[in-house]
Amino acid sequence: MSSLTFTIDAECSTTGARACTIHTAHGTIQTPIFMPVGTQATVKSVSPEELHVAGASIILANTYHLMLRPGSALIDSFGGLHSFMHWNGPLLTDSGGFQVWSLGHLRKLSELGVTFTSHLDGSLHTLTPESVMQIEAELGADIILPLDICTDYPCSYADTLQAMERTHCWEERALVAKERYRPEQALFGIVQGGCEAQLRQQSARIIGDMPFSGFSIGGLSVGEPKTQMWEILPYVTLTLPHEKPRHLLGVGSPEDLVIGVGLGIDMFDCVLPTRVARHGGLFTSSGRVNIKTARFRTMHAPIEEGCDCYTCQNYSAAYVHHLARSEEHLYYRLGSIHNIRFMLRLATHLRNAILTGSYPAFRDQFLACYIPASEKIREQQREKWRAAARRQLG
């Protein structure tokens, strides 16, 4: 039986936003929460100690990458991922399904599972629902995900239906297999269905009826317009069981958090904060800025006044600008810490807004101030965000 417990602390009366608490064997998670992604047992450029200081309560690691290198058996010999990577908080491992989907012609699907060619050395591998449960048992995360099939965008209705139905069969097999390995791990079911509202609702109903500890929503943010993603989500969140956590896979820009919470999402993960940081993109309350631009060259102030991250507390924007322009390794650390702390602080603000009954006002104020990366579409995008939020759940 899973060791995970879940309670709802507060709910917004006019939207789907809720503040919850998740207890795991390795610690407590308060939602809404953003999970930094440690693909290969590390969040790029940032140490576990720095993640704790930034406020991370749970991180995500990738089954596909870790099974190929260094191998789940080796990690198991160290006592699992927690010990191997020196992280003592909760961990979530995904199934590797998204990574296998991204291989395109290098993979082949069947009822058994998926056969693919390693991007590292060309070796041939097969993942089945059962083998994924064994690998994730060896990795030892608190929350694990089953093998699933992610569809392309756009995708035909027939192909989307086939992928969804096969995913459902695989998830039933995963539930049985998990009990043979580590029953205490919390297995989340994955809802698929592409951008077909009817299929999404059907998938949420079928997966919601299975004895999963929580639910992840996959197959979004794969090329579809954001407004389409936000229109699809209520079909899922309003259908899934109310008393279990909901996780939106691979989605996590600042505006995604703010709107997604109102549509009923509890947990988010994404590589975006660290990825854009490496290219000079840093989050601020008025939108993403490019630290490499000339306006920061002589700025004595931090990247953002009032920011409590390690970077802003100790370094000027001019120094961070210099590091980024010089491509110094220290920049990747400082930039990543800033963006991770921004996301985690935003999650805390969202939770507080829900607890105090002020989420709709917080959402509207945030979206009114936050400027997308492209100035050209700023006003149009702002209105789409506000309209989507009003139209769906409040």
Protein backbone atom coordinates (compact mmCIF):
# COMPACT_ATOMS: atom_id res chain seq x y z
CA MET A 1 0.00 0.00 0.00
CA SER A 2 1.25 3.48 -0.90
CA SER A 3 2.72 5.54 1.94
CA LEU A 4 1.41 8.79 0.39
CA THR A 5 -1.40 10.70 2.10
CA PHE A 6 -3.25 13.72 0.70
CA THR A 7 -5.41 16.38 2.32
CA ILE A 8 -7.14 19.47 0.91
CA ASP A 9 -6.49 22.50 3.13
CA ALA A 10 -8.52 25.14 1.28
CA GLU A 11 -10.39 25.65 -1.98
CA CYS A 12 -11.31 28.72 -4.00
CA SER A 13 -15.06 29.22 -4.17
CA THR A 14 -15.11 30.54 -7.75
CA THR A 15 -12.31 28.60 -9.49
CA GLY A 16 -10.69 25.17 -9.30
CA ALA A 17 -7.74 26.44 -7.24
CA ARG A 18 -6.93 24.51 -4.08
CA ALA A 19 -4.18 24.34 -1.46
CA CYS A 20 -3.27 20.81 -0.40
CA THR A 21 -0.74 18.87 1.67
CA ILE A 22 0.95 15.66 0.50
CA HIS A 23 2.84 13.50 3.00
CA THR A 24 5.50 11.07 1.73
CA ALA A 25 8.13 8.91 3.40
CA HIS A 26 10.75 11.57 2.62
CA GLY A 27 8.84 14.67 3.64
CA THR A 28 5.82 16.90 3.20
CA ILE A 29 4.80 18.77 0.04
CA GLN A 30 2.49 21.76 0.21
CA THR A 31 0.68 22.60 -3.00
CA PRO A 32 0.47 24.32 -5.38
CA ILE A 33 4.06 23.27 -6.02
CA PHE A 34 6.63 23.54 -8.78
CA MET A 35 9.06 20.63 -9.14
CA PRO A 36 12.54 21.43 -10.52
CA VAL A 37 13.59 18.79 -13.04
CA GLY A 38 16.72 16.77 -12.32
CA THR A 39 16.71 14.76 -15.55
CA GLN A 40 19.91 12.82 -14.89
CA ALA A 41 19.76 12.86 -11.08
CA THR A 42 20.79 16.50 -11.02
CA VAL A 43 19.08 19.83 -11.60
CA LYS A 44 21.54 21.37 -14.03
CA SER A 45 24.12 23.65 -12.36
CA VAL A 46 22.39 23.56 -8.96
CA SER A 47 23.32 21.39 -5.97
CA PRO A 48 20.75 19.62 -3.74
CA GLU A 49 21.76 21.94 -0.90
CA GLU A 50 21.02 24.99 -3.06
CA LEU A 51 17.66 23.52 -4.03
CA HIS A 52 16.74 23.18 -0.36
CA VAL A 53 17.73 26.80 0.27
CA ALA A 54 15.64 27.89 -2.73
CA GLY A 55 12.62 26.18 -1.18
CA ALA A 56 12.31 23.02 -3.28
CA SER A 57 10.29 20.35 -1.49
CA ILE A 58 10.22 17.77 -4.32
CA ILE A 59 12.20 17.26 -7.53
CA LEU A 60 11.69 15.10 -10.61
CA ALA A 61 14.15 12.68 -12.23
CA ASN A 62 13.90 10.86 -15.55
CA THR A 63 13.56 7.09 -15.82
CA TYR A 64 14.62 6.91 -19.49
CA HIS A 65 17.91 8.73 -19.01
CA LEU A 66 18.81 7.00 -15.74
CA MET A 67 18.11 3.49 -17.03
CA LEU A 68 20.55 4.14 -19.88
CA ARG A 69 23.18 5.86 -17.75
CA PRO A 70 24.33 4.96 -15.13
CA GLY A 71 21.66 2.23 -14.90
CA SER A 72 18.96 1.61 -12.31
CA ALA A 73 20.74 -1.44 -10.85
CA LEU A 74 23.80 0.67 -10.03
CA ILE A 75 21.62 3.34 -8.43
CA ASP A 76 19.85 0.62 -6.44
CA SER A 77 23.22 -0.57 -5.12
CA PHE A 78 23.67 2.89 -3.55
CA GLY A 79 20.31 2.60 -1.81
CA GLY A 80 18.31 4.37 -4.52
CA LEU A 81 18.22 7.85 -5.99
CA HIS A 82 17.89 9.67 -2.67
CA SER A 83 21.22 8.35 -1.47
CA PHE A 84 22.89 8.38 -4.89
CA MET A 85 22.20 12.09 -5.54
CA HIS A 86 22.26 13.22 -1.90
CA TRP A 87 18.66 14.46 -1.91
CA ASN A 88 16.70 13.74 1.27
CA GLY A 89 13.36 15.17 0.17
CA PRO A 90 10.53 13.64 -1.88
CA LEU A 91 11.32 12.46 -5.41
CA LEU A 92 9.15 11.78 -8.45
CA THR A 93 10.35 9.72 -11.42
CA ASP A 94 8.52 9.86 -14.73
CA SER A 95 8.09 6.79 -16.93
CA GLY A 96 10.31 7.79 -19.84
CA GLY A 97 7.34 7.69 -22.20
CA PHE A 98 7.76 11.31 -23.29
CA GLN A 99 11.47 10.82 -24.02
CA VAL A 100 10.76 7.67 -26.04
CA TRP A 101 8.06 9.56 -27.98
CA SER A 102 10.59 12.28 -28.78
CA LEU A 103 12.87 9.69 -30.44
CA GLY A 104 10.44 9.53 -33.38
CA HIS A 105 11.67 7.01 -35.95
CA LEU A 106 14.04 5.43 -33.41
CA ARG A 107 11.14 3.74 -31.57
CA LYS A 108 8.50 1.12 -32.33
CA LEU A 109 5.27 0.61 -30.38
CA SER A 110 3.46 -2.68 -29.81
CA GLU A 111 0.97 -4.13 -27.35
CA LEU A 112 3.94 -5.42 -25.35
CA GLY A 113 5.58 -2.02 -24.93
CA VAL A 114 8.03 0.15 -26.82
CA THR A 115 11.33 -0.80 -28.43
CA PHE A 116 13.79 1.99 -29.07
CA THR A 117 17.35 2.74 -30.04
CA SER A 118 19.45 4.51 -27.42
CA HIS A 119 20.41 8.05 -28.32
CA LEU A 120 23.74 7.41 -26.54
CA ASP A 121 25.20 4.38 -28.31
CA GLY A 122 22.56 2.98 -30.66
CA SER A 123 21.86 -0.06 -28.48
CA LEU A 124 18.39 -1.60 -28.62
CA HIS A 125 16.09 -1.51 -25.56
CA THR A 126 12.51 -2.49 -24.77
CA LEU A 127 10.36 -0.89 -22.12
CA THR A 128 7.20 -2.60 -20.94
CA PRO A 129 4.78 -1.51 -18.22
CA GLU A 130 6.28 -4.22 -16.02
CA SER A 131 9.94 -3.39 -16.68
CA VAL A 132 9.30 0.31 -15.99
CA MET A 133 7.88 -0.61 -12.59
CA GLN A 134 11.00 -2.66 -11.85
CA ILE A 135 13.31 0.18 -12.94
CA GLU A 136 11.42 2.73 -10.86
CA ALA A 137 11.47 0.39 -7.88
CA GLU A 138 15.27 0.29 -8.17
CA LEU A 139 15.40 4.08 -8.45
CA GLY A 140 13.27 4.27 -5.30
CA ALA A 141 11.34 7.52 -5.83
CA ASP A 142 8.37 8.36 -3.60
CA ILE A 143 6.05 8.97 -6.58
CA ILE A 144 6.37 7.00 -9.80
CA LEU A 145 4.61 7.11 -13.18
CA PRO A 146 3.63 4.25 -15.51
CA LEU A 147 4.62 3.81 -19.14
CA ASP A 148 2.37 5.83 -21.43
CA ILE A 149 2.12 7.01 -25.03
CA CYS A 150 2.35 10.69 -25.88
CA THR A 151 0.87 11.73 -29.24
CA ASP A 152 2.09 14.33 -31.71
CA TYR A 153 0.42 17.67 -32.29
CA PRO A 154 -1.51 17.74 -34.48
CA CYS A 155 -2.69 14.12 -34.36
CA SER A 156 -5.67 12.41 -35.95
CA TYR A 157 -8.59 11.36 -33.78
CA ALA A 158 -8.02 7.69 -34.64
CA ASP A 159 -4.34 7.75 -33.68
CA THR A 160 -5.10 9.69 -30.49
CA LEU A 161 -7.77 7.15 -29.52
CA GLN A 162 -5.45 4.20 -30.19
CA ALA A 163 -2.64 5.73 -28.12
CA MET A 164 -5.03 6.50 -25.27
CA GLU A 165 -6.52 3.01 -25.18
CA ARG A 166 -3.10 1.37 -25.27
CA THR A 167 -1.93 3.67 -22.47
CA HIS A 168 -4.92 2.57 -20.38
CA CYS A 169 -4.02 -1.11 -20.90
CA TRP A 170 -0.41 -0.44 -19.96
CA GLU A 171 -1.48 1.38 -16.81
CA GLU A 172 -3.61 -1.55 -15.68
CA ARG A 173 -0.57 -3.81 -16.09
CA ALA A 174 1.61 -1.32 -14.20
CA LEU A 175 -0.75 -1.40 -11.22
CA VAL A 176 -0.38 -5.18 -10.99
CA ALA A 177 3.40 -5.12 -11.51
CA LYS A 178 4.05 -2.43 -8.90
CA GLU A 179 2.75 -4.68 -6.13
CA ARG A 180 5.49 -7.21 -6.96
CA TYR A 181 8.25 -4.67 -6.38
CA ARG A 182 7.66 -1.77 -3.96
CA PRO A 183 4.01 -1.41 -2.96
CA GLU A 184 4.85 1.59 -0.75
CA GLN A 185 5.69 3.74 -3.80
CA ALA A 186 2.84 6.03 -4.87
CA LEU A 187 1.89 5.27 -8.48
CA PHE A 188 0.16 8.11 -10.34
CA GLY A 189 -2.04 7.27 -13.31
CA ILE A 190 -1.50 9.28 -16.51
CA VAL A 191 -4.39 10.84 -18.43
CA GLN A 192 -3.92 11.05 -22.20
CA GLY A 193 -6.22 11.97 -25.10
CA GLY A 194 -4.33 14.65 -26.99
CA CYS A 195 -6.34 17.79 -27.69
CA GLU A 196 -9.63 15.91 -28.03
CA ALA A 197 -11.89 17.09 -25.22
CA GLN A 198 -14.11 14.00 -25.38
CA LEU A 199 -11.12 11.64 -25.18
CA ARG A 200 -9.56 13.62 -22.35
CA GLN A 201 -12.75 13.36 -20.35
CA GLN A 202 -13.03 9.65 -21.14
CA SER A 203 -9.43 9.03 -20.15
CA ALA A 204 -9.86 10.94 -16.90
CA ARG A 205 -12.93 8.87 -16.07
CA ILE A 206 -11.25 5.52 -16.82
CA ILE A 207 -7.94 6.32 -15.11
CA GLY A 208 -9.80 8.01 -12.24
CA ASP A 209 -11.61 4.75 -11.53
CA MET A 210 -8.35 2.84 -11.15
CA PRO A 211 -6.67 2.62 -7.70
CA PHE A 212 -3.90 5.14 -8.33
CA SER A 213 -2.52 7.36 -5.55
CA GLY A 214 -2.80 10.44 -7.74
CA PHE A 215 -2.94 11.51 -11.36
CA SER A 216 -0.64 13.09 -13.92
CA ILE A 217 -1.88 14.78 -17.07
CA GLY A 218 0.41 14.03 -20.01
CA GLY A 219 0.58 14.87 -23.68
CA LEU A 220 0.14 18.63 -23.36
CA SER A 221 2.59 21.42 -24.13
CA VAL A 222 3.76 19.43 -27.16
CA GLY A 223 3.15 22.19 -29.72
CA GLU A 224 -0.50 23.12 -29.26
CA PRO A 225 -1.43 26.76 -28.49
CA LYS A 226 -1.49 27.49 -24.78
CA THR A 227 -5.10 28.59 -24.94
CA GLN A 228 -6.00 25.16 -26.30
CA MET A 229 -4.20 23.50 -23.40
CA TRP A 230 -6.11 25.64 -20.90
CA GLU A 231 -9.42 24.85 -22.62
CA ILE A 232 -8.69 21.10 -22.40
CA LEU A 233 -7.65 20.99 -18.74
CA PRO A 234 -11.08 21.46 -17.11
CA TYR A 235 -12.38 18.39 -18.96
CA VAL A 236 -9.73 16.44 -17.03
CA THR A 237 -9.63 18.11 -13.63
CA LEU A 238 -13.41 18.26 -13.23
CA THR A 239 -13.64 14.54 -14.05
CA LEU A 240 -10.78 13.16 -11.96
CA PRO A 241 -11.47 12.17 -8.32
CA HIS A 242 -11.51 15.25 -6.14
CA GLU A 243 -9.66 13.69 -3.21
CA LYS A 244 -6.38 12.86 -4.99
CA PRO A 245 -3.47 15.06 -6.25
CA ARG A 246 -3.26 16.25 -9.85
CA HIS A 247 0.04 16.80 -11.65
CA LEU A 248 0.49 18.54 -15.03
CA LEU A 249 3.47 16.93 -16.75
CA GLY A 250 6.15 19.09 -18.34
CA VAL A 251 4.36 22.42 -17.94
CA GLY A 252 5.82 25.20 -15.84
CA SER A 253 6.26 28.75 -17.07
CA PRO A 254 5.14 31.41 -14.57
CA GLU A 255 1.85 32.05 -16.37
CA ASP A 256 1.26 28.28 -16.60
CA LEU A 257 1.37 28.03 -12.82
CA VAL A 258 -0.94 30.95 -12.23
CA ILE A 259 -3.60 29.85 -14.72
CA GLY A 260 -3.13 26.11 -14.22
CA VAL A 261 -3.78 26.38 -10.49
CA GLY A 262 -7.13 28.01 -11.21
CA LEU A 263 -7.99 25.10 -13.50
CA GLY A 264 -7.44 22.59 -10.71
CA ILE A 265 -3.75 21.59 -10.98
CA ASP A 266 -1.75 20.93 -7.80
CA MET A 267 1.73 20.00 -9.09
CA PHE A 268 3.86 21.23 -11.99
CA ASP A 269 7.27 20.33 -13.40
CA CYS A 270 9.32 21.75 -16.25
CA VAL A 271 12.90 22.22 -17.44
CA LEU A 272 12.01 25.75 -18.62
CA PRO A 273 13.36 27.75 -15.64
CA THR A 274 16.86 26.28 -15.90
CA ARG A 275 16.83 25.99 -19.69
CA VAL A 276 15.95 29.63 -20.36
CA ALA A 277 18.36 30.74 -17.62
CA ARG A 278 21.25 29.12 -19.49
CA HIS A 279 20.41 31.31 -22.49
CA GLY A 280 20.09 34.53 -20.50
CA GLY A 281 16.36 34.46 -19.73
CA LEU A 282 15.53 35.42 -16.15
CA PHE A 283 12.06 35.69 -14.59
CA THR A 284 10.84 38.87 -12.93
CA SER A 285 7.41 39.94 -11.73
CA SER A 286 7.02 42.02 -14.90
CA GLY A 287 8.07 39.23 -17.23
CA ARG A 288 11.13 37.47 -18.56
CA VAL A 289 14.20 39.61 -19.19
CA ASN A 290 17.39 38.89 -21.10
CA ILE A 291 20.27 39.54 -18.73
CA LYS A 292 22.65 39.78 -21.69
CA THR A 293 21.09 43.00 -22.97
CA ALA A 294 23.01 46.26 -22.61
CA ARG A 295 20.67 47.84 -20.05
CA PHE A 296 22.07 45.55 -17.34
CA ARG A 297 25.74 46.28 -18.04
CA THR A 298 26.09 49.02 -15.42
CA MET A 299 23.16 48.18 -13.13
CA HIS A 300 24.22 48.26 -9.47
CA ALA A 301 20.88 46.87 -8.29
CA PRO A 302 20.02 43.15 -8.33
CA ILE A 303 18.15 41.53 -11.18
CA GLU A 304 14.90 42.32 -9.37
CA GLU A 305 14.48 44.52 -6.34
CA GLY A 306 12.97 42.62 -3.43
CA CYS A 307 13.88 39.19 -4.79
CA ASP A 308 15.01 36.93 -1.96
CA CYS A 309 17.00 34.45 -4.05
CA TYR A 310 20.69 33.85 -3.34
CA THR A 311 21.70 35.55 -6.60
CA CYS A 312 19.80 38.79 -6.01
CA GLN A 313 20.80 38.91 -2.35
CA ASN A 314 24.51 38.76 -3.18
CA TYR A 315 25.22 39.99 -6.71
CA SER A 316 24.47 43.00 -8.87
CA ALA A 317 22.71 42.67 -12.20
CA ALA A 318 25.85 44.11 -13.80
CA TYR A 319 27.95 41.22 -12.46
CA VAL A 320 25.43 38.61 -13.56
CA HIS A 321 25.30 40.32 -16.97
CA HIS A 322 29.09 40.13 -17.20
CA LEU A 323 29.10 36.42 -16.33
CA ALA A 324 26.38 35.65 -18.87
CA ARG A 325 28.09 37.59 -21.67
CA SER A 326 31.39 35.90 -20.82
CA GLU A 327 29.71 32.47 -20.72
CA GLU A 328 31.23 31.80 -17.30
CA HIS A 329 29.99 28.64 -15.60
CA LEU A 330 29.09 30.59 -12.47
CA TYR A 331 26.37 32.36 -14.47
CA TYR A 332 24.53 29.09 -15.17
CA ARG A 333 24.37 28.43 -11.43
CA LEU A 334 23.30 31.95 -10.45
CA GLY A 335 20.76 32.29 -13.25
CA SER A 336 19.23 28.89 -12.53
CA ILE A 337 18.98 29.60 -8.80
CA HIS A 338 17.17 32.87 -9.52
CA ASN A 339 14.59 31.26 -11.82
CA ILE A 340 14.00 28.25 -9.56
CA ARG A 341 13.49 30.49 -6.55
CA PHE A 342 11.11 32.68 -8.59
CA MET A 343 8.95 29.67 -9.43
CA LEU A 344 8.94 28.30 -5.89
CA ARG A 345 8.14 31.72 -4.43
CA LEU A 346 5.31 32.10 -6.94
CA ALA A 347 3.92 28.72 -5.85
CA THR A 348 4.00 29.90 -2.23
CA HIS A 349 2.21 33.14 -3.13
CA LEU A 350 -0.45 31.13 -4.96
CA ARG A 351 -0.94 28.88 -1.93
CA ASN A 352 -1.26 31.87 0.38
CA ALA A 353 -3.75 33.49 -1.99
CA ILE A 354 -5.89 30.36 -1.95
CA LEU A 355 -5.71 30.10 1.84
CA THR A 356 -6.80 33.73 2.22
CA GLY A 357 -9.53 33.54 -0.42
CA SER A 358 -7.81 35.97 -2.78
CA TYR A 359 -6.67 33.71 -5.64
CA PRO A 360 -8.77 35.38 -8.42
CA ALA A 361 -7.41 38.82 -7.51
CA PHE A 362 -3.85 37.48 -7.33
CA ARG A 363 -4.25 35.78 -10.73
CA ASP A 364 -5.60 38.89 -12.41
CA GLN A 365 -2.93 41.16 -10.92
CA PHE A 366 -0.13 38.80 -11.92
CA LEU A 367 -1.35 38.45 -15.50
CA ALA A 368 -1.79 42.21 -15.79
CA CYS A 369 1.89 42.74 -14.93
CA TYR A 370 3.62 39.75 -16.47
CA ILE A 371 4.96 40.44 -19.97
CA PRO A 372 5.66 37.53 -22.36
CA ALA A 373 9.09 37.24 -23.95
CA SER A 374 7.80 38.61 -27.26
CA GLU A 375 6.87 42.29 -26.97
CA LYS A 376 5.05 42.06 -30.28
CA ILE A 377 2.28 39.85 -28.90
CA ARG A 378 2.20 41.27 -25.37
CA GLU A 379 -1.26 42.79 -25.26
CA GLN A 380 -2.86 40.06 -27.36
CA GLN A 381 -1.40 37.35 -25.14
CA ARG A 382 -2.43 39.09 -21.92
CA GLU A 383 -6.03 39.25 -23.07
CA LYS A 384 -5.99 35.57 -24.07
CA TRP A 385 -4.76 34.62 -20.60
CA ARG A 386 -7.45 36.67 -18.87
CA ALA A 387 -10.19 35.46 -21.22
CA ALA A 388 -9.20 31.79 -20.87
CA ALA A 389 -9.18 32.03 -17.09
CA ARG A 390 -12.57 33.81 -16.98
CA ARG A 391 -14.15 31.49 -19.51
CA GLN A 392 -13.16 28.24 -17.84
CA LEU A 393 -13.43 28.41 -14.08
CA GLY A 394 -13.85 31.89 -12.81
